PDB file of N, CA and C in Angstrom:
ATOM      1  N   MET A   1       6.253 -25.783 -14.044  1.00  0.00           N
ATOM      2  CA  MET A   1       4.916 -25.258 -14.193  1.00  0.00           C
ATOM      3  C   MET A   1       4.258 -25.096 -12.809  1.00  0.00           C
ATOM      4  N   GLU A   2       4.442 -26.090 -11.953  1.00  0.00           N
ATOM      5  CA  GLU A   2       3.852 -26.044 -10.615  1.00  0.00           C
ATOM      6  C   GLU A   2       4.447 -24.891  -9.795  1.00  0.00           C
ATOM      7  N   ILE A   3       5.740 -24.680  -9.917  1.00  0.00           N
ATOM      8  CA  ILE A   3       6.392 -23.575  -9.198  1.00  0.00           C
ATOM      9  C   ILE A   3       5.839 -22.241  -9.674  1.00  0.00           C
ATOM     10  N   ALA A   4       5.627 -22.104 -10.963  1.00  0.00           N
ATOM     11  CA  ALA A   4       5.059 -20.867 -11.514  1.00  0.00           C
ATOM     12  C   ALA A   4       3.651 -20.639 -10.969  1.00  0.00           C
ATOM     13  N   ARG A   5       2.843 -21.696 -10.860  1.00  0.00           N
ATOM     14  CA  ARG A   5       1.486 -21.563 -10.307  1.00  0.00           C
ATOM     15  C   ARG A   5       1.542 -21.141  -8.836  1.00  0.00           C
ATOM     16  N   GLN A   6       2.462 -21.736  -8.096  1.00  0.00           N
ATOM     17  CA  GLN A   6       2.594 -21.377  -6.683  1.00  0.00           C
ATOM     18  C   GLN A   6       3.045 -19.929  -6.522  1.00  0.00           C
ATOM     19  N   ASN A   7       3.973 -19.503  -7.361  1.00  0.00           N
ATOM     20  CA  ASN A   7       4.430 -18.115  -7.319  1.00  0.00           C
ATOM     21  C   ASN A   7       3.295 -17.164  -7.672  1.00  0.00           C
ATOM     22  N   LEU A   8       2.504 -17.510  -8.665  1.00  0.00           N
ATOM     23  CA  LEU A   8       1.364 -16.684  -9.067  1.00  0.00           C
ATOM     24  C   LEU A   8       0.333 -16.617  -7.945  1.00  0.00           C
ATOM     25  N   ALA A   9       0.070 -17.735  -7.300  1.00  0.00           N
ATOM     26  CA  ALA A   9      -0.881 -17.759  -6.191  1.00  0.00           C
ATOM     27  C   ALA A   9      -0.380 -16.889  -5.035  1.00  0.00           C
ATOM     28  N   ALA A  10       0.890 -16.993  -4.729  1.00  0.00           N
ATOM     29  CA  ALA A  10       1.462 -16.180  -3.650  1.00  0.00           C
ATOM     30  C   ALA A  10       1.382 -14.697  -3.987  1.00  0.00           C
ATOM     31  N   GLN A  11       1.686 -14.352  -5.228  1.00  0.00           N
ATOM     32  CA  GLN A  11       1.610 -12.949  -5.650  1.00  0.00           C
ATOM     33  C   GLN A  11       0.167 -12.450  -5.593  1.00  0.00           C
ATOM     34  N   SER A  12      -0.780 -13.292  -5.967  1.00  0.00           N
ATOM     35  CA  SER A  12      -2.191 -12.910  -5.894  1.00  0.00           C
ATOM     36  C   SER A  12      -2.611 -12.632  -4.455  1.00  0.00           C
ATOM     37  N   LEU A  13      -2.144 -13.450  -3.529  1.00  0.00           N
ATOM     38  CA  LEU A  13      -2.458 -13.231  -2.118  1.00  0.00           C
ATOM     39  C   LEU A  13      -1.871 -11.915  -1.619  1.00  0.00           C
ATOM     40  N   ARG A  14      -0.618 -11.646  -1.990  1.00  0.00           N
ATOM     41  CA  ARG A  14       0.019 -10.385  -1.581  1.00  0.00           C
ATOM     42  C   ARG A  14      -0.718  -9.185  -2.166  1.00  0.00           C
ATOM     43  N   THR A  15      -1.093  -9.291  -3.437  1.00  0.00           N
ATOM     44  CA  THR A  15      -1.796  -8.190  -4.093  1.00  0.00           C
ATOM     45  C   THR A  15      -3.165  -7.973  -3.452  1.00  0.00           C
ATOM     46  N   GLY A  16      -3.853  -9.061  -3.148  1.00  0.00           N
ATOM     47  CA  GLY A  16      -5.162  -8.947  -2.494  1.00  0.00           C
ATOM     48  C   GLY A  16      -5.056  -8.303  -1.120  1.00  0.00           C
ATOM     49  N   ALA A  17      -4.042  -8.689  -0.367  1.00  0.00           N
ATOM     50  CA  ALA A  17      -3.840  -8.098   0.956  1.00  0.00           C
ATOM     51  C   ALA A  17      -3.508  -6.613   0.842  1.00  0.00           C
ATOM     52  N   GLU A  18      -2.655  -6.271  -0.120  1.00  0.00           N
ATOM     53  CA  GLU A  18      -2.300  -4.853  -0.328  1.00  0.00           C
ATOM     54  C   GLU A  18      -3.528  -4.057  -0.763  1.00  0.00           C
ATOM     55  N   TRP A  19      -4.347  -4.649  -1.606  1.00  0.00           N
ATOM     56  CA  TRP A  19      -5.587  -4.007  -2.060  1.00  0.00           C
ATOM     57  C   TRP A  19      -6.494  -3.720  -0.856  1.00  0.00           C
ATOM     58  N   SER A  20      -6.663  -4.700   0.009  1.00  0.00           N
ATOM     59  CA  SER A  20      -7.516  -4.536   1.190  1.00  0.00           C
ATOM     60  C   SER A  20      -6.983  -3.449   2.124  1.00  0.00           C
ATOM     61  N   ARG A  21      -5.667  -3.447   2.351  1.00  0.00           N
ATOM     62  CA  ARG A  21      -5.069  -2.407   3.199  1.00  0.00           C
ATOM     63  C   ARG A  21      -5.274  -1.022   2.597  1.00  0.00           C
ATOM     64  N   THR A  22      -5.121  -0.936   1.288  1.00  0.00           N
ATOM     65  CA  THR A  22      -5.239   0.367   0.633  1.00  0.00           C
ATOM     66  C   THR A  22      -6.684   0.844   0.617  1.00  0.00           C
ATOM     67  N   ILE A  23      -7.627  -0.060   0.412  1.00  0.00           N
ATOM     68  CA  ILE A  23      -9.057   0.302   0.488  1.00  0.00           C
ATOM     69  C   ILE A  23      -9.366   0.846   1.877  1.00  0.00           C
ATOM     70  N   ALA A  24      -8.865   0.175   2.902  1.00  0.00           N
ATOM     71  CA  ALA A  24      -9.083   0.634   4.274  1.00  0.00           C
ATOM     72  C   ALA A  24      -8.475   2.018   4.494  1.00  0.00           C
ATOM     73  N   GLU A  25      -7.311   2.270   3.926  1.00  0.00           N
ATOM     74  CA  GLU A  25      -6.659   3.584   4.058  1.00  0.00           C
ATOM     75  C   GLU A  25      -7.487   4.671   3.364  1.00  0.00           C
ATOM     76  N   VAL A  26      -8.004   4.364   2.181  1.00  0.00           N
ATOM     77  CA  VAL A  26      -8.849   5.337   1.462  1.00  0.00           C
ATOM     78  C   VAL A  26     -10.089   5.653   2.295  1.00  0.00           C
ATOM     79  N   GLU A  27     -10.745   4.632   2.813  1.00  0.00           N
ATOM     80  CA  GLU A  27     -11.955   4.851   3.608  1.00  0.00           C
ATOM     81  C   GLU A  27     -11.664   5.626   4.879  1.00  0.00           C
ATOM     82  N   GLN A  28     -10.588   5.262   5.541  1.00  0.00           N
ATOM     83  CA  GLN A  28     -10.223   5.922   6.791  1.00  0.00           C
ATOM     84  C   GLN A  28      -9.892   7.401   6.561  1.00  0.00           C
ATOM     85  N   THR A  29      -9.080   7.683   5.575  1.00  0.00           N
ATOM     86  CA  THR A  29      -8.707   9.082   5.331  1.00  0.00           C
ATOM     87  C   THR A  29      -9.888   9.886   4.792  1.00  0.00           C
ATOM     88  N   SER A  30     -10.755   9.252   4.019  1.00  0.00           N
ATOM     89  CA  SER A  30     -11.945   9.941   3.523  1.00  0.00           C
ATOM     90  C   SER A  30     -12.846  10.374   4.683  1.00  0.00           C
ATOM     91  N   GLU A  31     -13.074   9.459   5.627  1.00  0.00           N
ATOM     92  CA  GLU A  31     -13.882   9.791   6.805  1.00  0.00           C
ATOM     93  C   GLU A  31     -13.206  10.870   7.642  1.00  0.00           C
ATOM     94  N   ALA A  32     -11.912  10.769   7.799  1.00  0.00           N
ATOM     95  CA  ALA A  32     -11.176  11.765   8.585  1.00  0.00           C
ATOM     96  C   ALA A  32     -11.246  13.142   7.920  1.00  0.00           C
ATOM     97  N   LEU A  33     -11.171  13.174   6.588  1.00  0.00           N
ATOM     98  CA  LEU A  33     -11.294  14.450   5.872  1.00  0.00           C
ATOM     99  C   LEU A  33     -12.670  15.066   6.080  1.00  0.00           C
ATOM    100  N   GLU A  34     -13.703  14.243   6.037  1.00  0.00           N
ATOM    101  CA  GLU A  34     -15.058  14.754   6.281  1.00  0.00           C
ATOM    102  C   GLU A  34     -15.167  15.340   7.678  1.00  0.00           C
ATOM    103  N   ASP A  35     -14.691  14.587   8.671  1.00  0.00           N
ATOM    104  CA  ASP A  35     -14.735  15.079  10.050  1.00  0.00           C
ATOM    105  C   ASP A  35     -13.948  16.376  10.191  1.00  0.00           C
ATOM    106  N   TYR A  36     -12.786  16.415   9.592  1.00  0.00           N
ATOM    107  CA  TYR A  36     -11.929  17.600   9.651  1.00  0.00           C
ATOM    108  C   TYR A  36     -12.658  18.803   9.046  1.00  0.00           C
ATOM    109  N   ALA A  37     -13.264  18.583   7.878  1.00  0.00           N
ATOM    110  CA  ALA A  37     -13.951  19.678   7.185  1.00  0.00           C
ATOM    111  C   ALA A  37     -15.188  20.152   7.946  1.00  0.00           C
ATOM    112  N   GLN A  38     -15.844  19.244   8.646  1.00  0.00           N
ATOM    113  CA  GLN A  38     -17.068  19.616   9.357  1.00  0.00           C
ATOM    114  C   GLN A  38     -16.811  20.173  10.744  1.00  0.00           C
ATOM    115  N   GLN A  39     -15.703  19.774  11.364  1.00  0.00           N
ATOM    116  CA  GLN A  39     -15.482  20.179  12.751  1.00  0.00           C
ATOM    117  C   GLN A  39     -14.240  21.042  12.940  1.00  0.00           C
ATOM    118  N   VAL A  40     -13.105  20.559  12.500  1.00  0.00           N
ATOM    119  CA  VAL A  40     -11.846  21.232  12.823  1.00  0.00           C
ATOM    120  C   VAL A  40     -11.685  22.543  12.055  1.00  0.00           C
ATOM    121  N   LEU A  41     -11.911  22.501  10.746  1.00  0.00           N
ATOM    122  CA  LEU A  41     -11.703  23.718   9.957  1.00  0.00           C
ATOM    123  C   LEU A  41     -12.661  24.848  10.352  1.00  0.00           C
ATOM    124  N   PRO A  42     -13.960  24.575  10.594  1.00  0.00           N
ATOM    125  CA  PRO A  42     -14.819  25.675  11.071  1.00  0.00           C
ATOM    126  C   PRO A  42     -14.364  26.240  12.422  1.00  0.00           C
ATOM    127  N   ASN A  43     -13.893  25.355  13.318  1.00  0.00           N
ATOM    128  CA  ASN A  43     -13.387  25.844  14.609  1.00  0.00           C
ATOM    129  C   ASN A  43     -12.129  26.679  14.425  1.00  0.00           C
ATOM    130  N   ALA A  44     -11.282  26.265  13.494  1.00  0.00           N
ATOM    131  CA  ALA A  44     -10.067  27.040  13.211  1.00  0.00           C
ATOM    132  C   ALA A  44     -10.433  28.417  12.659  1.00  0.00           C
ATOM    133  N   GLN A  45     -11.429  28.446  11.778  1.00  0.00           N
ATOM    134  CA  GLN A  45     -11.877  29.730  11.215  1.00  0.00           C
ATOM    135  C   GLN A  45     -12.463  30.621  12.308  1.00  0.00           C
ATOM    136  N   ALA A  46     -13.224  30.025  13.215  1.00  0.00           N
ATOM    137  CA  ALA A  46     -13.803  30.792  14.327  1.00  0.00           C
ATOM    138  C   ALA A  46     -12.699  31.348  15.229  1.00  0.00           C
ATOM    139  N   LEU A  47     -11.680  30.539  15.497  1.00  0.00           N
ATOM    140  CA  LEU A  47     -10.553  31.005  16.307  1.00  0.00           C
ATOM    141  C   LEU A  47      -9.848  32.165  15.622  1.00  0.00           C
ATOM    142  N   GLU A  48      -9.636  32.020  14.315  1.00  0.00           N
ATOM    143  CA  GLU A  48      -8.971  33.088  13.569  1.00  0.00           C
ATOM    144  C   GLU A  48      -9.796  34.379  13.602  1.00  0.00           C
ATOM    145  N   ASP A  49     -11.080  34.254  13.378  1.00  0.00           N
ATOM    146  CA  ASP A  49     -11.948  35.440  13.380  1.00  0.00           C
ATOM    147  C   ASP A  49     -11.989  36.100  14.755  1.00  0.00           C
ATOM    148  N   ALA A  50     -12.171  35.290  15.809  1.00  0.00           N
ATOM    149  CA  ALA A  50     -12.236  35.849  17.160  1.00  0.00           C
ATOM    150  C   ALA A  50     -10.912  36.495  17.549  1.00  0.00           C
ATOM    151  N   SER A  51      -9.817  35.854  17.197  1.00  0.00           N
ATOM    152  CA  SER A  51      -8.506  36.394  17.526  1.00  0.00           C
ATOM    153  C   SER A  51      -8.280  37.729  16.816  1.00  0.00           C
ATOM    154  N   ARG A  52      -8.678  37.794  15.551  1.00  0.00           N
ATOM    155  CA  ARG A  52      -8.519  39.044  14.800  1.00  0.00           C
ATOM    156  C   ARG A  52      -9.359  40.154  15.415  1.00  0.00           C
ATOM    157  N   ARG A  53     -10.622  39.850  15.741  1.00  0.00           N
ATOM    158  CA  ARG A  53     -11.498  40.864  16.339  1.00  0.00           C
ATOM    159  C   ARG A  53     -10.946  41.355  17.675  1.00  0.00           C
ATOM    160  N   MET A  54     -10.454  40.414  18.482  1.00  0.00           N
ATOM    161  CA  MET A  54      -9.915  40.816  19.790  1.00  0.00           C
ATOM    162  C   MET A  54      -8.661  41.674  19.626  1.00  0.00           C
ATOM    163  N   PHE A  55      -7.808  41.314  18.664  1.00  0.00           N
ATOM    164  CA  PHE A  55      -6.600  42.095  18.431  1.00  0.00           C
ATOM    165  C   PHE A  55      -6.951  43.487  17.911  1.00  0.00           C
ATOM    166  N   GLU A  56      -7.855  43.534  16.926  1.00  0.00           N
ATOM    167  CA  GLU A  56      -8.253  44.834  16.369  1.00  0.00           C
ATOM    168  C   GLU A  56      -8.993  45.692  17.388  1.00  0.00           C
ATOM    169  N   GLY A  57      -9.679  45.035  18.336  1.00  0.00           N
ATOM    170  CA  GLY A  57     -10.402  45.776  19.367  1.00  0.00           C
ATOM    171  C   GLY A  57      -9.544  46.152  20.563  1.00  0.00           C
ATOM    172  N   GLY A  58      -8.280  45.767  20.526  1.00  0.00           N
ATOM    173  CA  GLY A  58      -7.375  46.109  21.610  1.00  0.00           C
ATOM    174  C   GLY A  58      -7.490  45.209  22.834  1.00  0.00           C
ATOM    175  N   LEU A  59      -8.196  44.103  22.704  1.00  0.00           N
ATOM    176  CA  LEU A  59      -8.380  43.190  23.825  1.00  0.00           C
ATOM    177  C   LEU A  59      -7.309  42.093  23.878  1.00  0.00           C
ATOM    178  N   SER A  60      -6.452  42.061  22.882  1.00  0.00           N
ATOM    179  CA  SER A  60      -5.420  41.034  22.800  1.00  0.00           C
ATOM    180  C   SER A  60      -4.136  41.677  22.284  1.00  0.00           C
ATOM    181  N   ASP A  61      -3.022  41.124  22.704  1.00  0.00           N
ATOM    182  CA  ASP A  61      -1.746  41.670  22.235  1.00  0.00           C
ATOM    183  C   ASP A  61      -1.271  40.920  20.981  1.00  0.00           C
ATOM    184  N   LEU A  62      -0.241  41.458  20.364  1.00  0.00           N
ATOM    185  CA  LEU A  62       0.275  40.889  19.116  1.00  0.00           C
ATOM    186  C   LEU A  62       0.793  39.462  19.278  1.00  0.00           C
ATOM    187  N   PRO A  63       1.559  39.138  20.321  1.00  0.00           N
ATOM    188  CA  PRO A  63       2.029  37.754  20.447  1.00  0.00           C
ATOM    189  C   PRO A  63       0.881  36.735  20.543  1.00  0.00           C
ATOM    190  N   THR A  64      -0.174  37.093  21.245  1.00  0.00           N
ATOM    191  CA  THR A  64      -1.330  36.194  21.352  1.00  0.00           C
ATOM    192  C   THR A  64      -1.997  36.036  19.995  1.00  0.00           C
ATOM    193  N   TYR A  65      -2.157  37.133  19.297  1.00  0.00           N
ATOM    194  CA  TYR A  65      -2.758  37.099  17.960  1.00  0.00           C
ATOM    195  C   TYR A  65      -1.931  36.217  17.017  1.00  0.00           C
ATOM    196  N   LEU A  66      -0.634  36.376  17.057  1.00  0.00           N
ATOM    197  CA  LEU A  66       0.246  35.576  16.196  1.00  0.00           C
ATOM    198  C   LEU A  66       0.234  34.105  16.603  1.00  0.00           C
ATOM    199  N   ARG A  67       0.193  33.839  17.894  1.00  0.00           N
ATOM    200  CA  ARG A  67       0.141  32.453  18.370  1.00  0.00           C
ATOM    201  C   ARG A  67      -1.136  31.765  17.873  1.00  0.00           C
ATOM    202  N   HIS A  68      -2.242  32.471  17.926  1.00  0.00           N
ATOM    203  CA  HIS A  68      -3.492  31.913  17.401  1.00  0.00           C
ATOM    204  C   HIS A  68      -3.407  31.690  15.895  1.00  0.00           C
ATOM    205  N   GLY A  69      -2.750  32.605  15.217  1.00  0.00           N
ATOM    206  CA  GLY A  69      -2.574  32.439  13.773  1.00  0.00           C
ATOM    207  C   GLY A  69      -1.761  31.197  13.444  1.00  0.00           C
ATOM    208  N   ILE A  70      -0.735  30.939  14.230  1.00  0.00           N
ATOM    209  CA  ILE A  70       0.085  29.742  14.031  1.00  0.00           C
ATOM    210  C   ILE A  70      -0.744  28.484  14.298  1.00  0.00           C
ATOM    211  N   GLU A  71      -1.574  28.512  15.340  1.00  0.00           N
ATOM    212  CA  GLU A  71      -2.433  27.364  15.642  1.00  0.00           C
ATOM    213  C   GLU A  71      -3.375  27.078  14.472  1.00  0.00           C
ATOM    214  N   VAL A  72      -3.958  28.119  13.910  1.00  0.00           N
ATOM    215  CA  VAL A  72      -4.864  27.960  12.776  1.00  0.00           C
ATOM    216  C   VAL A  72      -4.119  27.384  11.574  1.00  0.00           C
ATOM    217  N   LEU A  73      -2.946  27.903  11.302  1.00  0.00           N
ATOM    218  CA  LEU A  73      -2.162  27.388  10.177  1.00  0.00           C
ATOM    219  C   LEU A  73      -1.787  25.922  10.375  1.00  0.00           C
ATOM    220  N   ASN A  74      -1.450  25.543  11.605  1.00  0.00           N
ATOM    221  CA  ASN A  74      -1.128  24.143  11.889  1.00  0.00           C
ATOM    222  C   ASN A  74      -2.339  23.240  11.686  1.00  0.00           C
ATOM    223  N   LEU A  75      -3.518  23.713  12.068  1.00  0.00           N
ATOM    224  CA  LEU A  75      -4.736  22.934  11.836  1.00  0.00           C
ATOM    225  C   LEU A  75      -4.999  22.767  10.338  1.00  0.00           C
ATOM    226  N   GLU A  76      -4.814  23.840   9.594  1.00  0.00           N
ATOM    227  CA  GLU A  76      -5.013  23.762   8.146  1.00  0.00           C
ATOM    228  C   GLU A  76      -3.964  22.866   7.498  1.00  0.00           C
ATOM    229  N   LEU A  77      -2.741  22.923   7.973  1.00  0.00           N
ATOM    230  CA  LEU A  77      -1.690  22.052   7.461  1.00  0.00           C
ATOM    231  C   LEU A  77      -2.033  20.588   7.723  1.00  0.00           C
ATOM    232  N   GLY A  78      -2.597  20.305   8.892  1.00  0.00           N
ATOM    233  CA  GLY A  78      -3.033  18.949   9.201  1.00  0.00           C
ATOM    234  C   GLY A  78      -4.054  18.441   8.204  1.00  0.00           C
ATOM    235  N   TYR A  79      -4.954  19.323   7.787  1.00  0.00           N
ATOM    236  CA  TYR A  79      -5.952  18.944   6.780  1.00  0.00           C
ATOM    237  C   TYR A  79      -5.268  18.591   5.463  1.00  0.00           C
ATOM    238  N   TRP A  80      -4.338  19.408   5.034  1.00  0.00           N
ATOM    239  CA  TRP A  80      -3.675  19.159   3.754  1.00  0.00           C
ATOM    240  C   TRP A  80      -2.774  17.937   3.800  1.00  0.00           C
ATOM    241  N   ASP A  81      -2.179  17.661   4.950  1.00  0.00           N
ATOM    242  CA  ASP A  81      -1.407  16.420   5.095  1.00  0.00           C
ATOM    243  C   ASP A  81      -2.315  15.204   4.962  1.00  0.00           C
ATOM    244  N   LEU A  82      -3.474  15.282   5.586  1.00  0.00           N
ATOM    245  CA  LEU A  82      -4.453  14.201   5.494  1.00  0.00           C
ATOM    246  C   LEU A  82      -4.948  14.042   4.059  1.00  0.00           C
ATOM    247  N   PHE A  83      -5.168  15.157   3.384  1.00  0.00           N
ATOM    248  CA  PHE A  83      -5.613  15.121   1.993  1.00  0.00           C
ATOM    249  C   PHE A  83      -4.556  14.451   1.108  1.00  0.00           C
ATOM    250  N   ALA A  84      -3.295  14.746   1.364  1.00  0.00           N
ATOM    251  CA  ALA A  84      -2.212  14.125   0.588  1.00  0.00           C
ATOM    252  C   ALA A  84      -2.189  12.613   0.809  1.00  0.00           C
ATOM    253  N   ARG A  85      -2.395  12.174   2.053  1.00  0.00           N
ATOM    254  CA  ARG A  85      -2.456  10.727   2.326  1.00  0.00           C
ATOM    255  C   ARG A  85      -3.620  10.076   1.598  1.00  0.00           C
ATOM    256  N   TYR A  86      -4.748  10.762   1.556  1.00  0.00           N
ATOM    257  CA  TYR A  86      -5.935  10.260   0.860  1.00  0.00           C
ATOM    258  C   TYR A  86      -5.661  10.091  -0.629  1.00  0.00           C
ATOM    259  N   ARG A  87      -5.094  11.109  -1.236  1.00  0.00           N
ATOM    260  CA  ARG A  87      -4.807  11.049  -2.677  1.00  0.00           C
ATOM    261  C   ARG A  87      -3.748   9.991  -2.986  1.00  0.00           C
ATOM    262  N   GLU A  88      -2.763   9.849  -2.105  1.00  0.00           N
ATOM    263  CA  GLU A  88      -1.738   8.831  -2.289  1.00  0.00           C
ATOM    264  C   GLU A  88      -2.362   7.432  -2.261  1.00  0.00           C
ATOM    265  N   ALA A  89      -3.285   7.218  -1.339  1.00  0.00           N
ATOM    266  CA  ALA A  89      -3.955   5.916  -1.259  1.00  0.00           C
ATOM    267  C   ALA A  89      -4.809   5.670  -2.504  1.00  0.00           C
ATOM    268  N   GLN A  90      -5.458   6.712  -3.001  1.00  0.00           N
ATOM    269  CA  GLN A  90      -6.239   6.558  -4.234  1.00  0.00           C
ATOM    270  C   GLN A  90      -5.336   6.169  -5.405  1.00  0.00           C
ATOM    271  N   LEU A  91      -4.205   6.831  -5.513  1.00  0.00           N
ATOM    272  CA  LEU A  91      -3.264   6.510  -6.588  1.00  0.00           C
ATOM    273  C   LEU A  91      -2.721   5.097  -6.455  1.00  0.00           C
ATOM    274  N   LYS A  92      -2.488   4.678  -5.223  1.00  0.00           N
ATOM    275  CA  LYS A  92      -1.998   3.321  -4.995  1.00  0.00           C
ATOM    276  C   LYS A  92      -3.038   2.298  -5.451  1.00  0.00           C
ATOM    277  N   LEU A  93      -4.305   2.578  -5.194  1.00  0.00           N
ATOM    278  CA  LEU A  93      -5.367   1.681  -5.680  1.00  0.00           C
ATOM    279  C   LEU A  93      -5.348   1.581  -7.201  1.00  0.00           C
ATOM    280  N   ARG A  94      -5.220   2.724  -7.833  1.00  0.00           N
ATOM    281  CA  ARG A  94      -5.168   2.723  -9.303  1.00  0.00           C
ATOM    282  C   ARG A  94      -3.966   1.929  -9.796  1.00  0.00           C
ATOM    283  N   PHE A  95      -2.846   2.056  -9.111  1.00  0.00           N
ATOM    284  CA  PHE A  95      -1.645   1.329  -9.505  1.00  0.00           C
ATOM    285  C   PHE A  95      -1.855  -0.185  -9.350  1.00  0.00           C
ATOM    286  N   ILE A  96      -2.399  -0.579  -8.214  1.00  0.00           N
ATOM    287  CA  ILE A  96      -2.643  -2.010  -7.986  1.00  0.00           C
ATOM    288  C   ILE A  96      -3.611  -2.574  -9.022  1.00  0.00           C
ATOM    289  N   ALA A  97      -4.601  -1.778  -9.386  1.00  0.00           N
ATOM    290  CA  ALA A  97      -5.587  -2.231 -10.368  1.00  0.00           C
ATOM    291  C   ALA A  97      -5.040  -2.194 -11.785  1.00  0.00           C
ATOM    292  N   GLY A  98      -3.879  -1.612 -11.975  1.00  0.00           N
ATOM    293  CA  GLY A  98      -3.287  -1.528 -13.310  1.00  0.00           C
ATOM    294  C   GLY A  98      -3.830  -0.387 -14.144  1.00  0.00           C
ATOM    295  N   ASN A  99      -4.398   0.615 -13.479  1.00  0.00           N
ATOM    296  CA  ASN A  99      -4.982   1.766 -14.186  1.00  0.00           C
ATOM    297  C   ASN A  99      -4.109   3.010 -14.094  1.00  0.00           C
ATOM    298  N   LEU A 100      -2.861   2.821 -13.791  1.00  0.00           N
ATOM    299  CA  LEU A 100      -1.982   3.991 -13.654  1.00  0.00           C
ATOM    300  C   LEU A 100      -0.732   3.784 -14.483  1.00  0.00           C
TER     301      LEU A 100
END
């Protein structure tokens, strides 16, 4: 009986620590998503718009236009990677809480 209590206590400590780490991950990725949405994505859109206007106006060549397009896509991909980490952490919380 005592061994079972000790095992339960140890498991509770591990679960509590995992819960705390996962809460921190949710908060961290949530803040990062907000920052990304407020700063990075608008700048990426501005780069895309300016690059398109310069290319259409003959002020930029095709390789430069394409390079800017790749940069914008990489920035957007970074956002979606961060979003996936956020959702994964949310699901992990639900799993730890027994709601999944």
